[in-house]
C-alpha cells in the first residue's frame, strides 16, 4: 500500500516512497510470472522463456542506465 503524500515531503522521501512501492510491485509481478513455470498447468518452449527473460533483462538494463550519472561528453575542440 502506498503511503499518502506528506505536505513537507522532501524529494528524497518522495523517491523512497514511490520507488519502494514500485519495486515491491515489480517483485510481486515477477513471482506471479514464476507461477507460469508450472508444466502441469502451462505448455511453453525454451524459446518463449528466453524471449520473456531477454525482454525483461533489456528493460532492466535500460532503466538502470537512466540512473547513471555518467554522461557522454563530446567536443570538437
Protein backbone atom coordinates (compact mmCIF):
# COMPACT_ATOMS: atom_id res chain seq x y z
CA UNK A 1 0.00 0.00 0.00
CA UNK A 2 1.33 3.44 -0.95
CA UNK A 3 1.51 5.95 1.87
CA UNK A 4 -0.34 9.21 1.23
CA UNK A 5 1.75 12.21 0.22
CA UNK A 6 3.08 14.22 3.12
CA UNK A 7 2.90 18.00 2.69
CA UNK A 8 6.51 18.67 3.70
CA UNK A 9 7.91 15.59 1.98
CA UNK A 10 11.45 16.04 0.63
CA UNK A 11 12.42 14.89 -2.86
CA UNK A 12 14.37 12.01 -1.33
CA UNK A 13 11.45 10.96 0.86
CA UNK A 14 9.18 11.05 -2.19
CA UNK A 15 11.69 8.97 -4.17
CA UNK A 16 11.93 6.38 -1.40
CA UNK A 17 8.15 6.17 -1.03
CA UNK A 18 7.41 5.80 -4.72
CA UNK A 19 10.44 3.66 -5.65
CA UNK A 20 9.78 1.26 -2.77
CA UNK A 21 6.16 0.75 -3.79
CA UNK A 22 7.05 0.25 -7.44
CA UNK A 23 9.87 -2.16 -6.59
CA UNK A 24 7.54 -4.24 -4.41
CA UNK A 25 5.05 -4.37 -7.30
CA UNK A 26 7.71 -5.49 -9.78
CA UNK A 27 8.96 -8.19 -7.41
CA UNK A 28 5.41 -9.43 -6.87
CA UNK A 29 4.76 -9.50 -10.62
CA UNK A 30 7.97 -11.50 -11.15
CA UNK A 31 6.80 -14.02 -8.55
CA UNK A 32 3.48 -14.26 -10.38
CA UNK A 33 5.33 -14.80 -13.66
CA UNK A 34 7.20 -17.62 -11.96
CA UNK A 35 3.86 -19.34 -11.42
CA UNK A 36 3.71 -19.79 -15.21
CA UNK A 37 6.59 -22.28 -14.93
CA UNK A 38 4.17 -24.99 -13.72
CA UNK A 39 4.19 -27.56 -16.54
CA UNK A 40 1.03 -29.19 -15.21
CA UNK A 41 -0.88 -26.01 -15.99
CA UNK A 42 1.07 -24.45 -18.87
CA UNK A 43 2.90 -25.52 -22.00
CA UNK A 44 5.81 -23.43 -23.30
CA UNK A 45 9.05 -23.71 -25.24
CA UNK A 46 12.51 -22.68 -24.11
CA UNK A 47 12.45 -20.13 -26.95
CA UNK A 48 9.38 -18.50 -25.41
CA UNK A 49 11.01 -18.43 -21.98
CA UNK A 50 14.19 -16.91 -23.45
CA UNK A 51 12.15 -14.23 -25.23
CA UNK A 52 10.42 -13.27 -21.97
CA UNK A 53 13.63 -13.01 -19.96
CA UNK A 54 15.66 -11.33 -22.71
CA UNK A 55 12.99 -8.64 -22.87
CA UNK A 56 12.93 -8.22 -19.09
CA UNK A 57 16.75 -8.07 -18.92
CA UNK A 58 16.91 -5.44 -21.70
CA UNK A 59 14.37 -3.28 -19.89
CA UNK A 60 16.23 -3.63 -16.59
CA UNK A 61 19.47 -2.56 -18.30
CA UNK A 62 17.75 0.41 -19.99
CA UNK A 63 16.08 1.52 -16.77
CA UNK A 64 19.28 1.13 -14.75
CA UNK A 65 21.12 3.32 -17.26
CA UNK A 66 18.65 6.14 -16.54
CA UNK A 67 20.08 6.30 -13.01
CA UNK A 68 23.67 6.55 -14.25
CA UNK A 69 25.36 9.86 -13.57
CA UNK A 70 27.90 9.40 -16.34
CA UNK A 71 27.12 11.37 -19.44
CA UNK A 72 28.90 11.17 -22.76
CA UNK A 73 30.68 14.43 -23.37
CA UNK A 74 31.58 15.43 -26.88
CA UNK A 75 33.68 18.27 -28.17
CA UNK A 76 35.43 19.05 -31.43
CA UNK A 77 37.89 21.32 -29.59
